[in-house]
Amino acid sequence: MLEIEIPYKPRPQFEPFHDRTERFSKIVAHRRFGKTVGCIDELIKAATTNSRKFPVPRYSYIAPTYTQAKDIAWSYLKFYSAKIPGIEAKDPI
């Protein structure tokens, strides 16, 4: 098994979010708390640890508008997934 180290260290307040066992979750927190970075890390972790072959797993990040989602999350996603072998991040349409 290949071990991938993602350069993310959660704040202590975020550890319960990452340690949860429930499928769904929500975060209510102030601005600059790290919600986007934490959620992007969760997406990467879920995608890299999912062993399901069919149907192919899909993951998403939702924001009020497409532009906000791209501006907010895309750079984080490219940065934190850059160390994963075989990954080439292409800008969405």
C-alpha atoms as a PDB file:
ATOM      1  CA  MET A   1       0.000   0.000   0.000  1.00  0.00           C
ATOM      2  CA  LEU A   2       1.304   3.424  -0.972  1.00  0.00           C
ATOM      3  CA  GLU A   3       1.455   5.992   1.812  1.00  0.00           C
ATOM      4  CA  ILE A   4       0.711   9.577   0.818  1.00  0.00           C
ATOM      5  CA  GLU A   5       1.459  12.476   3.133  1.00  0.00           C
ATOM      6  CA  ILE A   6      -0.756  15.505   2.585  1.00  0.00           C
ATOM      7  CA  PRO A   7       0.686  18.731   4.065  1.00  0.00           C
ATOM      8  CA  TYR A   8      -2.355  19.465   6.238  1.00  0.00           C
ATOM      9  CA  LYS A   9      -2.444  19.780  10.013  1.00  0.00           C
ATOM     10  CA  PRO A  10      -5.902  20.452  11.435  1.00  0.00           C
ATOM     11  CA  ARG A  11      -6.469  22.906  14.219  1.00  0.00           C
ATOM     12  CA  PRO A  12      -7.458  21.234  17.508  1.00  0.00           C
ATOM     13  CA  GLN A  13     -11.029  22.513  17.077  1.00  0.00           C
ATOM     14  CA  PHE A  14     -11.261  20.633  13.748  1.00  0.00           C
ATOM     15  CA  GLU A  15     -10.165  17.228  15.025  1.00  0.00           C
ATOM     16  CA  PRO A  16     -13.687  16.097  16.045  1.00  0.00           C
ATOM     17  CA  PHE A  17     -14.849  16.842  12.491  1.00  0.00           C
ATOM     18  CA  HIS A  18     -12.109  14.646  11.023  1.00  0.00           C
ATOM     19  CA  ASP A  19     -12.597  11.890  13.632  1.00  0.00           C
ATOM     20  CA  ARG A  20     -16.366  11.563  13.202  1.00  0.00           C
ATOM     21  CA  THR A  21     -17.949   8.300  12.071  1.00  0.00           C
ATOM     22  CA  GLU A  22     -21.168   9.763  10.684  1.00  0.00           C
ATOM     23  CA  ARG A  23     -21.589  10.015   6.915  1.00  0.00           C
ATOM     24  CA  PHE A  24     -22.878  13.592   6.902  1.00  0.00           C
ATOM     25  CA  SER A  25     -21.705  16.575   8.901  1.00  0.00           C
ATOM     26  CA  LYS A  26     -21.995  20.313   9.177  1.00  0.00           C
ATOM     27  CA  ILE A  27     -19.690  23.029  10.417  1.00  0.00           C
ATOM     28  CA  VAL A  28     -20.823  26.296  11.949  1.00  0.00           C
ATOM     29  CA  ALA A  29     -17.809  28.508  12.503  1.00  0.00           C
ATOM     30  CA  HIS A  30     -16.508  32.013  12.033  1.00  0.00           C
ATOM     31  CA  ARG A  31     -14.688  33.321   8.988  1.00  0.00           C
ATOM     32  CA  ARG A  32     -11.093  32.169   8.556  1.00  0.00           C
ATOM     33  CA  PHE A  33     -11.677  29.112  10.782  1.00  0.00           C
ATOM     34  CA  GLY A  34     -10.350  26.757   8.102  1.00  0.00           C
ATOM     35  CA  LYS A  35     -13.638  25.259   6.927  1.00  0.00           C
ATOM     36  CA  THR A  36     -12.678  25.101   3.247  1.00  0.00           C
ATOM     37  CA  VAL A  37      -9.230  23.634   3.858  1.00  0.00           C
ATOM     38  CA  GLY A  38     -10.680  21.051   6.258  1.00  0.00           C
ATOM     39  CA  CYS A  39     -13.389  20.039   3.807  1.00  0.00           C
ATOM     40  CA  ILE A  40     -10.911  19.763   0.930  1.00  0.00           C
ATOM     41  CA  ASP A  41      -8.735  17.527   3.096  1.00  0.00           C
ATOM     42  CA  GLU A  42     -11.784  15.355   3.836  1.00  0.00           C
ATOM     43  CA  LEU A  43     -12.541  15.037   0.124  1.00  0.00           C
ATOM     44  CA  ILE A  44      -8.974  14.023  -0.692  1.00  0.00           C
ATOM     45  CA  LYS A  45      -8.893  11.533   2.189  1.00  0.00           C
ATOM     46  CA  ALA A  46     -12.203   9.979   1.143  1.00  0.00           C
ATOM     47  CA  ALA A  47     -11.182   9.762  -2.509  1.00  0.00           C
ATOM     48  CA  THR A  48      -7.785   8.203  -1.800  1.00  0.00           C
ATOM     49  CA  THR A  49      -9.067   5.653   0.718  1.00  0.00           C
ATOM     50  CA  ASN A  50     -12.187   4.514  -1.157  1.00  0.00           C
ATOM     51  CA  SER A  51     -11.703   1.017  -2.574  1.00  0.00           C
ATOM     52  CA  ARG A  52     -15.024   0.830  -4.433  1.00  0.00           C
ATOM     53  CA  LYS A  53     -14.644   0.118  -8.147  1.00  0.00           C
ATOM     54  CA  PHE A  54     -18.260   0.323  -9.322  1.00  0.00           C
ATOM     55  CA  PRO A  55     -20.011   2.610  -9.459  1.00  0.00           C
ATOM     56  CA  VAL A  56     -17.028   4.917  -9.636  1.00  0.00           C
ATOM     57  CA  PRO A  57     -17.022   7.147  -6.521  1.00  0.00           C
ATOM     58  CA  ARG A  58     -17.650  10.861  -7.006  1.00  0.00           C
ATOM     59  CA  TYR A  59     -16.979  13.714  -4.639  1.00  0.00           C
ATOM     60  CA  SER A  60     -18.024  17.341  -4.665  1.00  0.00           C
ATOM     61  CA  TYR A  61     -17.499  20.691  -3.049  1.00  0.00           C
ATOM     62  CA  ILE A  62     -20.536  22.957  -2.972  1.00  0.00           C
ATOM     63  CA  ALA A  63     -20.520  26.743  -2.740  1.00  0.00           C
ATOM     64  CA  PRO A  64     -23.226  29.316  -3.503  1.00  0.00           C
ATOM     65  CA  THR A  65     -21.925  29.832  -7.069  1.00  0.00           C
ATOM     66  CA  TYR A  66     -19.563  28.078  -9.482  1.00  0.00           C
ATOM     67  CA  THR A  67     -17.218  31.058  -9.433  1.00  0.00           C
ATOM     68  CA  GLN A  68     -17.056  31.048  -5.645  1.00  0.00           C
ATOM     69  CA  ALA A  69     -16.369  27.317  -5.539  1.00  0.00           C
ATOM     70  CA  LYS A  70     -13.574  27.654  -8.074  1.00  0.00           C
ATOM     71  CA  ASP A  71     -12.070  30.720  -6.411  1.00  0.00           C
ATOM     72  CA  ILE A  72     -12.373  29.304  -2.907  1.00  0.00           C
ATOM     73  CA  ALA A  73     -11.530  25.634  -3.206  1.00  0.00           C
ATOM     74  CA  TRP A  74      -9.718  24.898  -6.467  1.00  0.00           C
ATOM     75  CA  SER A  75      -6.317  26.279  -5.442  1.00  0.00           C
ATOM     76  CA  TYR A  76      -6.472  24.374  -2.141  1.00  0.00           C
ATOM     77  CA  LEU A  77      -7.416  21.168  -3.949  1.00  0.00           C
ATOM     78  CA  LYS A  78      -4.518  21.509  -6.386  1.00  0.00           C
ATOM     79  CA  PHE A  79      -2.060  22.309  -3.585  1.00  0.00           C
ATOM     80  CA  TYR A  80      -3.057  19.495  -1.225  1.00  0.00           C
ATOM     81  CA  SER A  81      -3.356  16.832  -3.937  1.00  0.00           C
ATOM     82  CA  ALA A  82      -0.089  17.726  -5.711  1.00  0.00           C
ATOM     83  CA  LYS A  83       1.890  15.012  -3.876  1.00  0.00           C
ATOM     84  CA  ILE A  84      -0.440  12.204  -4.967  1.00  0.00           C
ATOM     85  CA  PRO A  85       1.308  10.145  -7.670  1.00  0.00           C
ATOM     86  CA  GLY A  86      -0.399  10.131 -11.058  1.00  0.00           C
ATOM     87  CA  ILE A  87      -2.572  13.177 -10.322  1.00  0.00           C
ATOM     88  CA  GLU A  88      -2.726  15.965 -12.858  1.00  0.00           C
ATOM     89  CA  ALA A  89      -5.027  18.818 -11.901  1.00  0.00           C
ATOM     90  CA  LYS A  90      -6.719  20.433 -14.868  1.00  0.00           C
ATOM     91  CA  ASP A  91      -8.763  23.575 -14.466  1.00  0.00           C
ATOM     92  CA  PRO A  92     -12.496  22.932 -14.769  1.00  0.00           C
ATOM     93  CA  ILE A  93     -14.433  24.406 -17.645  1.00  0.00           C
END
